[in-house]
Amino acid sequence: MSWLERGFQTYPAEPSLDAWVESARGPALAAAADPELRAMWLRHRETWFVGVDALTNDGAGRLGNGPAFCGTAFDEALGVTGVSHLHRAQVSVTYPGYPRQDADESDSAHRFRVNRDAAHLDGLLAEGPDKRRHLREPHAWIIGVALTQADAGAAPLVVWDGSHHIIRRAFAPAFAGISLEEWGDLDVTDIYKAARAEVFETCTRIEVPLQVGESVLLHRHVIHGVAPWAGGAQAVSEGRAIAYFRPCFETPQPWLDAP
């Protein structure tokens, strides 16, 4: 079954992508160790470096004189969506003990992170004091590539199998009849929470550990998160590092209508 059916698909390491991983690992780990970036992105009592836009790649994914980003997952995503121009990748690094509770994190938020893997839909930004959700980033697809070696229990990605179908059904009527310019202004918080609750009730939770060079392609509508670091799980000293690309459509319409 493909990523369009289940919402995700994993791919083994392949020589063409291995070259990109080798070119990206050093800059990614340097970013995660940079004091200024750590001050900006280190969360959960120093157990997760969020690393948004932390990789200094160009629009083709190149770092310096290294190769362009490539691989079967990228070919699949491009073939379905036509979106290939890349932003600076996220460098997501987790460390043993993830997630410890931040001082400013509520008990309920921490429980959700521990018990529900902080399950979320990318692109819906929480805004204002009440954290109301708006579609501000109409992603085309999401690809994650493992940069370091880690055990399966080292805070792996988690997906809810088939959840993208529920999300599409929930959001289609919400945006019907609304001009594209207004999509981002629509408060979709309640729709999102109800759809996510249905996902928890009806979809299977699956952990997706990745070894170095392996990649995962996520449908833009799939609910996903990060599992807590399991007791006894090991990783290299730099932590479990994954580079994520999530480029956006130029307009929000394909976010709802594309496969």
Protein backbone atom coordinates (compact mmCIF):
# COMPACT_ATOMS: atom_id res chain seq x y z
CA MET A 1 0.00 0.00 0.00
CA SER A 2 1.32 3.45 -0.91
CA TRP A 3 1.63 6.70 1.02
CA LEU A 4 -1.49 7.97 -0.75
CA GLU A 5 -3.51 5.13 0.76
CA ARG A 6 -2.02 4.98 4.24
CA GLY A 7 -0.67 8.49 4.64
CA PHE A 8 2.96 7.42 4.96
CA GLN A 9 5.57 5.20 3.34
CA THR A 10 9.12 4.32 4.33
CA TYR A 11 12.02 3.81 1.92
CA PRO A 12 15.32 1.98 2.45
CA ALA A 13 18.65 3.73 2.22
CA GLU A 14 19.81 4.17 -1.36
CA PRO A 15 23.19 5.20 -2.77
CA SER A 16 22.03 8.46 -4.34
CA LEU A 17 20.49 9.67 -1.09
CA ASP A 18 23.41 8.36 0.98
CA ALA A 19 25.60 10.98 -0.67
CA TRP A 20 23.18 13.71 0.39
CA VAL A 21 23.04 12.36 3.95
CA GLU A 22 26.82 12.47 4.16
CA SER A 23 26.84 16.08 2.97
CA ALA A 24 24.05 17.11 5.35
CA ARG A 25 25.02 15.33 8.56
CA GLY A 26 27.90 17.61 9.53
CA PRO A 27 26.04 20.90 8.95
CA ALA A 28 22.94 19.54 10.67
CA LEU A 29 24.78 18.44 13.80
CA ALA A 30 26.76 21.69 13.83
CA ALA A 31 23.46 23.59 13.79
CA ALA A 32 22.14 21.50 16.68
CA ALA A 33 25.29 22.30 18.67
CA ASP A 34 25.34 26.02 17.86
CA PRO A 35 24.75 28.02 21.08
CA GLU A 36 22.57 30.65 19.41
CA LEU A 37 20.37 28.07 17.69
CA ARG A 38 20.15 25.99 20.85
CA ALA A 39 18.97 29.03 22.78
CA MET A 40 16.26 29.48 20.14
CA TRP A 41 15.18 25.87 19.57
CA LEU A 42 16.04 23.68 22.55
CA ARG A 43 12.84 22.51 24.26
CA HIS A 44 11.58 20.13 26.95
CA ARG A 45 14.47 20.66 29.33
CA GLU A 46 17.08 20.11 26.65
CA THR A 47 15.65 16.87 25.24
CA TRP A 48 14.51 18.19 21.84
CA PHE A 49 16.21 20.54 19.42
CA VAL A 50 13.34 21.66 17.19
CA GLY A 51 15.64 23.17 14.57
CA VAL A 52 13.15 24.81 12.18
CA ASP A 53 15.01 26.02 9.06
CA ALA A 54 18.29 25.13 10.75
CA LEU A 55 19.88 23.40 7.74
CA THR A 56 21.52 25.87 5.37
CA ASN A 57 20.64 24.08 2.11
CA ASP A 58 19.63 25.84 -1.12
CA GLY A 59 16.40 25.38 -3.06
CA ALA A 60 17.62 22.08 -4.49
CA GLY A 61 18.66 20.80 -1.08
CA ARG A 62 22.40 21.23 -1.72
CA LEU A 63 24.85 22.09 1.04
CA GLY A 64 27.97 23.74 -0.31
CA ASN A 65 29.27 21.68 -3.21
CA GLY A 66 27.28 18.62 -2.15
CA PRO A 67 24.61 16.84 -4.18
CA ALA A 68 21.02 17.97 -4.62
CA PHE A 69 18.37 16.29 -2.50
CA CYS A 70 17.03 13.21 -4.25
CA GLY A 71 15.72 9.70 -3.71
CA THR A 72 12.64 7.58 -4.32
CA ALA A 73 10.53 9.39 -1.73
CA PHE A 74 11.30 12.74 -3.36
CA ASP A 75 10.52 11.34 -6.82
CA GLU A 76 7.17 10.03 -5.55
CA ALA A 77 6.25 13.35 -3.91
CA LEU A 78 7.25 15.35 -6.96
CA GLY A 79 5.33 13.08 -9.31
CA VAL A 80 2.10 13.52 -7.36
CA THR A 81 2.28 17.20 -6.37
CA GLY A 82 4.72 18.82 -8.81
CA VAL A 83 6.36 20.65 -5.90
CA SER A 84 10.15 20.42 -5.87
CA HIS A 85 11.57 23.75 -4.61
CA LEU A 86 12.92 23.23 -1.11
CA HIS A 87 13.06 25.49 1.92
CA ARG A 88 15.81 25.20 4.52
CA ALA A 89 15.20 21.86 6.20
CA GLN A 90 14.23 21.36 9.80
CA VAL A 91 16.87 19.57 11.86
CA SER A 92 14.92 17.67 14.52
CA VAL A 93 17.14 16.13 17.19
CA THR A 94 15.89 14.29 20.25
CA TYR A 95 17.94 13.19 23.25
CA PRO A 96 17.51 10.59 26.03
CA GLY A 97 14.72 11.52 28.41
CA TYR A 98 12.49 13.19 25.83
CA PRO A 99 10.06 14.71 26.70
CA ARG A 100 10.84 16.31 30.01
CA GLN A 101 8.37 18.97 31.11
CA ASP A 102 9.31 22.58 30.48
CA ALA A 103 8.74 25.07 33.29
CA ASP A 104 6.17 26.98 31.22
CA GLU A 105 4.42 23.87 29.90
CA SER A 106 1.04 23.02 31.44
CA ASP A 107 0.44 19.60 32.94
CA SER A 108 -2.23 18.86 30.33
CA ALA A 109 0.07 19.81 27.45
CA HIS A 110 2.82 17.62 28.87
CA ARG A 111 0.43 14.68 29.31
CA PHE A 112 -0.66 15.06 25.68
CA ARG A 113 2.96 14.99 24.58
CA VAL A 114 3.67 11.87 26.63
CA ASN A 115 0.42 9.96 26.07
CA ARG A 116 -0.48 11.12 22.54
CA ASP A 117 3.00 11.83 21.15
CA ALA A 118 2.06 15.52 20.71
CA ALA A 119 0.01 14.39 17.69
CA HIS A 120 -0.58 17.21 15.22
CA LEU A 121 -1.17 18.28 11.64
CA ASP A 122 1.60 20.37 10.11
CA GLY A 123 0.70 23.78 8.71
CA LEU A 124 -2.02 24.67 11.22
CA LEU A 125 -0.44 27.41 13.31
CA ALA A 126 -1.65 28.15 16.83
CA GLU A 127 -2.20 31.90 17.12
CA GLY A 128 -3.14 34.35 19.85
CA PRO A 129 -3.49 33.80 23.60
CA ASP A 130 -6.09 31.07 23.01
CA LYS A 131 -3.92 29.22 20.48
CA ARG A 132 -6.56 29.17 17.76
CA ARG A 133 -5.56 27.18 14.68
CA HIS A 134 -5.26 28.60 11.16
CA LEU A 135 -4.01 27.10 7.91
CA ARG A 136 -0.99 29.31 7.28
CA GLU A 137 1.36 26.80 5.63
CA PRO A 138 -0.31 24.67 2.91
CA HIS A 139 2.35 21.98 2.73
CA ALA A 140 2.56 19.77 -0.35
CA TRP A 141 4.31 16.85 1.32
CA ILE A 142 6.70 15.96 4.14
CA ILE A 143 9.88 13.91 3.84
CA GLY A 144 12.08 12.94 6.75
CA VAL A 145 15.56 11.43 6.36
CA ALA A 146 17.52 9.94 9.26
CA LEU A 147 20.98 11.44 9.69
CA THR A 148 22.22 9.50 12.75
CA GLN A 149 22.03 5.96 14.08
CA ALA A 150 19.52 5.30 16.86
CA ASP A 151 17.57 2.42 18.40
CA ALA A 152 13.94 1.96 17.43
CA GLY A 153 12.83 3.30 20.81
CA ALA A 154 14.82 6.52 20.56
CA ALA A 155 11.83 8.87 20.21
CA PRO A 156 10.68 7.64 16.79
CA LEU A 157 8.22 9.35 14.50
CA VAL A 158 4.63 8.22 15.09
CA VAL A 159 1.86 8.24 12.47
CA TRP A 160 -1.85 7.40 12.58
CA ASP A 161 -2.50 5.05 9.68
CA GLY A 162 -5.04 6.48 7.22
CA SER A 163 -5.68 9.63 9.26
CA HIS A 164 -5.25 11.83 6.18
CA HIS A 165 -8.59 10.61 4.83
CA ILE A 166 -10.38 11.81 7.98
CA ILE A 167 -8.64 15.18 7.85
CA ARG A 168 -9.59 15.77 4.21
CA ARG A 169 -13.25 14.88 4.87
CA ALA A 170 -13.35 17.21 7.86
CA PHE A 171 -11.76 20.22 6.19
CA ALA A 172 -13.41 20.08 2.75
CA PRO A 173 -16.77 21.53 3.85
CA ALA A 174 -15.06 24.13 6.05
CA PHE A 175 -13.33 25.75 3.08
CA ALA A 176 -16.15 25.30 0.58
CA GLY A 177 -17.37 28.64 -0.76
CA ILE A 178 -14.59 30.65 0.88
CA SER A 179 -12.17 32.63 -1.29
CA LEU A 180 -8.58 31.41 -1.23
CA GLU A 181 -7.48 34.71 0.29
CA GLU A 182 -9.63 33.95 3.34
CA TRP A 183 -8.53 30.38 3.97
CA GLY A 184 -5.78 31.39 6.34
CA ASP A 185 -8.13 33.60 8.35
CA LEU A 186 -10.62 30.81 9.01
CA ASP A 187 -10.48 29.51 12.58
CA VAL A 188 -10.34 25.72 12.16
CA THR A 189 -9.56 24.85 15.78
CA ASP A 190 -12.80 23.03 16.55
CA ILE A 191 -12.85 21.17 13.23
CA TYR A 192 -9.27 20.09 13.78
CA LYS A 193 -9.81 18.90 17.36
CA ALA A 194 -12.90 16.90 16.41
CA ALA A 195 -11.12 15.28 13.46
CA ARG A 196 -8.08 14.44 15.57
CA ALA A 197 -10.31 12.85 18.20
CA GLU A 198 -11.83 10.67 15.47
CA VAL A 199 -8.34 9.74 14.34
CA PHE A 200 -7.44 8.57 17.85
CA GLU A 201 -10.64 6.49 17.97
CA THR A 202 -10.40 4.84 14.57
CA CYS A 203 -6.82 4.86 13.25
CA THR A 204 -3.93 2.63 14.25
CA ARG A 205 -0.95 4.31 15.87
CA ILE A 206 2.31 3.20 14.24
CA GLU A 207 5.86 3.98 15.29
CA VAL A 208 8.23 4.64 12.37
CA PRO A 209 11.86 4.31 13.47
CA LEU A 210 14.41 5.19 10.81
CA GLN A 211 18.02 4.10 10.46
CA VAL A 212 20.68 6.26 8.80
CA GLY A 213 19.76 7.03 5.20
CA GLU A 214 16.23 5.66 5.46
CA SER A 215 13.45 8.08 4.62
CA VAL A 216 9.74 8.48 5.20
CA LEU A 217 7.22 10.27 2.99
CA LEU A 218 4.17 11.67 4.78
CA HIS A 219 0.95 12.88 3.22
CA ARG A 220 0.41 16.52 4.18
CA HIS A 221 -2.86 15.63 5.98
CA VAL A 222 -1.57 12.77 8.10
CA ILE A 223 -1.66 13.13 11.88
CA HIS A 224 1.77 12.43 13.33
CA GLY A 225 3.98 13.07 16.34
CA VAL A 226 7.05 11.88 18.24
CA ALA A 227 7.04 9.06 20.78
CA PRO A 228 8.74 9.44 24.16
CA TRP A 229 12.30 8.13 24.38
CA ALA A 230 11.98 4.56 25.63
CA GLY A 231 13.95 3.40 28.64
CA GLY A 232 17.18 1.77 27.58
CA ALA A 233 17.08 3.09 24.01
CA GLN A 234 20.44 4.19 22.68
CA ALA A 235 21.63 6.62 20.03
CA VAL A 236 24.91 8.22 19.05
CA SER A 237 26.09 10.97 21.36
CA GLU A 238 24.69 13.68 19.07
CA GLY A 239 21.15 12.29 19.50
CA ARG A 240 18.54 10.99 17.07
CA ALA A 241 18.66 13.46 14.18
CA ILE A 242 16.23 13.66 11.26
CA ALA A 243 16.11 16.27 8.50
CA TYR A 244 12.57 17.22 7.43
CA PHE A 245 11.48 18.96 4.25
CA ARG A 246 7.88 20.24 4.00
CA PRO A 247 7.57 22.63 1.03
CA CYS A 248 4.34 24.53 0.44
CA PHE A 249 1.98 24.88 -2.50
CA GLU A 250 1.93 28.36 -4.00
CA THR A 251 -1.80 28.65 -3.21
CA PRO A 252 -3.86 26.75 -0.63
CA GLN A 253 -6.32 25.15 -3.07
CA PRO A 254 -4.11 22.11 -3.89
CA TRP A 255 -3.66 21.53 -0.17
CA LEU A 256 -7.25 20.32 -0.19
CA ASP A 257 -7.70 19.12 -3.77
CA ALA A 258 -4.41 17.42 -4.76
CA PRO A 259 -4.06 13.65 -4.17
